[in-house]
Amino acid sequence: MLKNMDMIKKEYLKTKPECKVTFKVSKSLAEDAAQINLVGDFNNWDAKKTPMKKLKNGDFSVAINLTKDASYQYRFLLDGKIWKNDDKADDYVPNNIDGDNSVVYV
């Protein structure tokens, strides 16, 4: 079982049926990437719509609001060419292209 600090950060909003979800890519998973984008069904798999910010420690992070009581498939795109799954995802499902997609439950 994952420790709480190892999971995706989720903050449920009191005023809207949404959850602020913070996705992180560790420096080790990022390798030498200059840019990482969060790509998923929440942004129509648009490879450029959700860029992640590189942090001082070498990790990448982005927070987005997602509608509650749903699941979302996603992956990380490194430098526009390398797809990576989230090692902290809630689940994984086959994507019928090249393996699995990460899943977050909100």
C-alpha atoms as a PDB file:
ATOM      1  CA  MET A   1       0.000   0.000   0.000  1.00  0.00           C
ATOM      2  CA  LEU A   2       1.223   3.483  -0.833  1.00  0.00           C
ATOM      3  CA  LYS A   3       1.957   5.946   1.908  1.00  0.00           C
ATOM      4  CA  ASN A   4      -0.174   9.105   1.848  1.00  0.00           C
ATOM      5  CA  MET A   5       2.805  11.232   0.787  1.00  0.00           C
ATOM      6  CA  ASP A   6       3.368   8.912  -2.184  1.00  0.00           C
ATOM      7  CA  MET A   7      -0.087   9.511  -3.627  1.00  0.00           C
ATOM      8  CA  ILE A   8      -1.409  12.194  -5.939  1.00  0.00           C
ATOM      9  CA  LYS A   9      -2.411  15.262  -3.915  1.00  0.00           C
ATOM     10  CA  LYS A  10      -6.182  15.879  -3.975  1.00  0.00           C
ATOM     11  CA  GLU A  11      -7.923  18.869  -2.412  1.00  0.00           C
ATOM     12  CA  TYR A  12     -11.716  18.787  -2.632  1.00  0.00           C
ATOM     13  CA  LEU A  13     -13.274  22.222  -3.074  1.00  0.00           C
ATOM     14  CA  LYS A  14     -16.076  23.221  -0.721  1.00  0.00           C
ATOM     15  CA  THR A  15     -17.755  25.659  -3.117  1.00  0.00           C
ATOM     16  CA  LYS A  16     -17.765  23.535  -6.304  1.00  0.00           C
ATOM     17  CA  PRO A  17     -18.120  19.834  -7.174  1.00  0.00           C
ATOM     18  CA  GLU A  18     -14.434  19.792  -8.112  1.00  0.00           C
ATOM     19  CA  CYS A  19     -11.124  18.589  -6.779  1.00  0.00           C
ATOM     20  CA  LYS A  20      -7.781  20.352  -7.202  1.00  0.00           C
ATOM     21  CA  VAL A  21      -5.408  17.565  -8.219  1.00  0.00           C
ATOM     22  CA  THR A  22      -1.654  18.106  -8.127  1.00  0.00           C
ATOM     23  CA  PHE A  23       0.384  15.864 -10.407  1.00  0.00           C
ATOM     24  CA  LYS A  24       4.142  15.513  -9.901  1.00  0.00           C
ATOM     25  CA  VAL A  25       6.913  13.933 -11.916  1.00  0.00           C
ATOM     26  CA  SER A  26      10.012  13.159  -9.896  1.00  0.00           C
ATOM     27  CA  LYS A  27      13.426  14.216 -11.119  1.00  0.00           C
ATOM     28  CA  SER A  28      14.346  10.556 -11.604  1.00  0.00           C
ATOM     29  CA  LEU A  29      11.264   9.831 -13.756  1.00  0.00           C
ATOM     30  CA  ALA A  30      11.786  13.103 -15.667  1.00  0.00           C
ATOM     31  CA  GLU A  31      15.335  12.044 -16.521  1.00  0.00           C
ATOM     32  CA  ASP A  32      16.830  14.940 -18.510  1.00  0.00           C
ATOM     33  CA  ALA A  33      13.544  16.326 -19.891  1.00  0.00           C
ATOM     34  CA  ALA A  34      13.426  20.055 -20.517  1.00  0.00           C
ATOM     35  CA  GLN A  35       9.607  20.099 -20.740  1.00  0.00           C
ATOM     36  CA  ILE A  36       6.868  17.771 -19.511  1.00  0.00           C
ATOM     37  CA  ASN A  37       3.185  18.033 -20.364  1.00  0.00           C
ATOM     38  CA  LEU A  38       0.261  16.395 -18.584  1.00  0.00           C
ATOM     39  CA  VAL A  39      -1.915  14.825 -21.277  1.00  0.00           C
ATOM     40  CA  GLY A  40      -5.223  13.096 -20.663  1.00  0.00           C
ATOM     41  CA  ASP A  41      -8.897  12.768 -21.369  1.00  0.00           C
ATOM     42  CA  PHE A  42      -9.520  15.913 -19.252  1.00  0.00           C
ATOM     43  CA  ASN A  43      -7.749  18.019 -21.918  1.00  0.00           C
ATOM     44  CA  ASN A  44      -8.745  15.912 -24.970  1.00  0.00           C
ATOM     45  CA  TRP A  45      -5.253  14.395 -25.092  1.00  0.00           C
ATOM     46  CA  ASP A  46      -3.854  17.740 -26.244  1.00  0.00           C
ATOM     47  CA  ALA A  47      -0.074  17.339 -25.956  1.00  0.00           C
ATOM     48  CA  LYS A  48       0.503  21.079 -25.464  1.00  0.00           C
ATOM     49  CA  LYS A  49      -2.458  22.192 -23.351  1.00  0.00           C
ATOM     50  CA  THR A  50      -1.152  21.425 -19.831  1.00  0.00           C
ATOM     51  CA  PRO A  51       2.579  22.112 -19.409  1.00  0.00           C
ATOM     52  CA  MET A  52       4.146  21.232 -16.082  1.00  0.00           C
ATOM     53  CA  LYS A  53       6.398  23.605 -14.146  1.00  0.00           C
ATOM     54  CA  LYS A  54       9.950  22.533 -13.397  1.00  0.00           C
ATOM     55  CA  LEU A  55      10.724  22.967  -9.702  1.00  0.00           C
ATOM     56  CA  LYS A  56      14.095  23.906  -8.199  1.00  0.00           C
ATOM     57  CA  ASN A  57      14.662  20.316  -7.029  1.00  0.00           C
ATOM     58  CA  GLY A  58      14.261  18.986 -10.603  1.00  0.00           C
ATOM     59  CA  ASP A  59      10.712  17.650 -10.151  1.00  0.00           C
ATOM     60  CA  PHE A  60       7.858  18.849 -12.386  1.00  0.00           C
ATOM     61  CA  SER A  61       4.398  19.761 -11.074  1.00  0.00           C
ATOM     62  CA  VAL A  62       0.997  21.017 -12.207  1.00  0.00           C
ATOM     63  CA  ALA A  63      -2.378  21.396 -10.474  1.00  0.00           C
ATOM     64  CA  ILE A  64      -5.705  21.215 -12.292  1.00  0.00           C
ATOM     65  CA  ASN A  65      -9.331  21.152 -11.187  1.00  0.00           C
ATOM     66  CA  LEU A  66     -11.265  18.014 -12.089  1.00  0.00           C
ATOM     67  CA  THR A  67     -14.954  17.227 -11.619  1.00  0.00           C
ATOM     68  CA  LYS A  68     -15.617  15.000  -8.598  1.00  0.00           C
ATOM     69  CA  ASP A  69     -16.950  11.445  -8.720  1.00  0.00           C
ATOM     70  CA  ALA A  70     -15.127  10.545 -11.920  1.00  0.00           C
ATOM     71  CA  SER A  71     -11.979   8.839 -13.157  1.00  0.00           C
ATOM     72  CA  TYR A  72      -9.520  10.280 -15.640  1.00  0.00           C
ATOM     73  CA  GLN A  73      -6.874   8.628 -17.830  1.00  0.00           C
ATOM     74  CA  TYR A  74      -3.602  10.442 -18.416  1.00  0.00           C
ATOM     75  CA  ARG A  75       0.120  10.179 -19.182  1.00  0.00           C
ATOM     76  CA  PHE A  76       3.146  12.425 -19.070  1.00  0.00           C
ATOM     77  CA  LEU A  77       4.809  13.518 -22.332  1.00  0.00           C
ATOM     78  CA  LEU A  78       8.510  14.310 -21.987  1.00  0.00           C
ATOM     79  CA  ASP A  79      10.000  16.710 -24.537  1.00  0.00           C
ATOM     80  CA  GLY A  80       7.135  16.020 -26.943  1.00  0.00           C
ATOM     81  CA  LYS A  81       8.279  12.472 -27.699  1.00  0.00           C
ATOM     82  CA  ILE A  82       8.577  10.129 -24.691  1.00  0.00           C
ATOM     83  CA  TRP A  83       5.424   8.875 -22.937  1.00  0.00           C
ATOM     84  CA  LYS A  84       5.643   7.952 -19.251  1.00  0.00           C
ATOM     85  CA  ASN A  85       3.081   6.680 -16.789  1.00  0.00           C
ATOM     86  CA  ASP A  86       2.654   8.085 -13.312  1.00  0.00           C
ATOM     87  CA  ASP A  87       4.258   5.755 -10.770  1.00  0.00           C
ATOM     88  CA  LYS A  88       1.843   7.219  -8.195  1.00  0.00           C
ATOM     89  CA  ALA A  89      -1.374   6.737 -10.202  1.00  0.00           C
ATOM     90  CA  ASP A  90      -4.481   5.330  -8.537  1.00  0.00           C
ATOM     91  CA  ASP A  91      -4.758   2.660 -11.239  1.00  0.00           C
ATOM     92  CA  TYR A  92      -3.706   1.698 -14.778  1.00  0.00           C
ATOM     93  CA  VAL A  93      -5.753   0.642 -17.817  1.00  0.00           C
ATOM     94  CA  PRO A  94      -4.668  -0.672 -21.234  1.00  0.00           C
ATOM     95  CA  ASN A  95      -4.574   2.045 -23.905  1.00  0.00           C
ATOM     96  CA  ASN A  96      -4.576  -0.166 -27.040  1.00  0.00           C
ATOM     97  CA  ILE A  97      -1.550   1.721 -28.420  1.00  0.00           C
ATOM     98  CA  ASP A  98       1.614   1.081 -26.427  1.00  0.00           C
ATOM     99  CA  GLY A  99       0.743  -0.251 -22.993  1.00  0.00           C
ATOM    100  CA  ASP A 100      -1.189   1.365 -20.173  1.00  0.00           C
ATOM    101  CA  ASN A 101      -2.575   4.762 -19.230  1.00  0.00           C
ATOM    102  CA  SER A 102      -2.427   6.074 -15.694  1.00  0.00           C
ATOM    103  CA  VAL A 103      -5.755   6.651 -13.924  1.00  0.00           C
ATOM    104  CA  VAL A 104      -6.715   9.095 -11.177  1.00  0.00           C
ATOM    105  CA  TYR A 105      -9.977   8.712  -9.233  1.00  0.00           C
ATOM    106  CA  VAL A 106     -11.533  11.951  -7.983  1.00  0.00           C
END
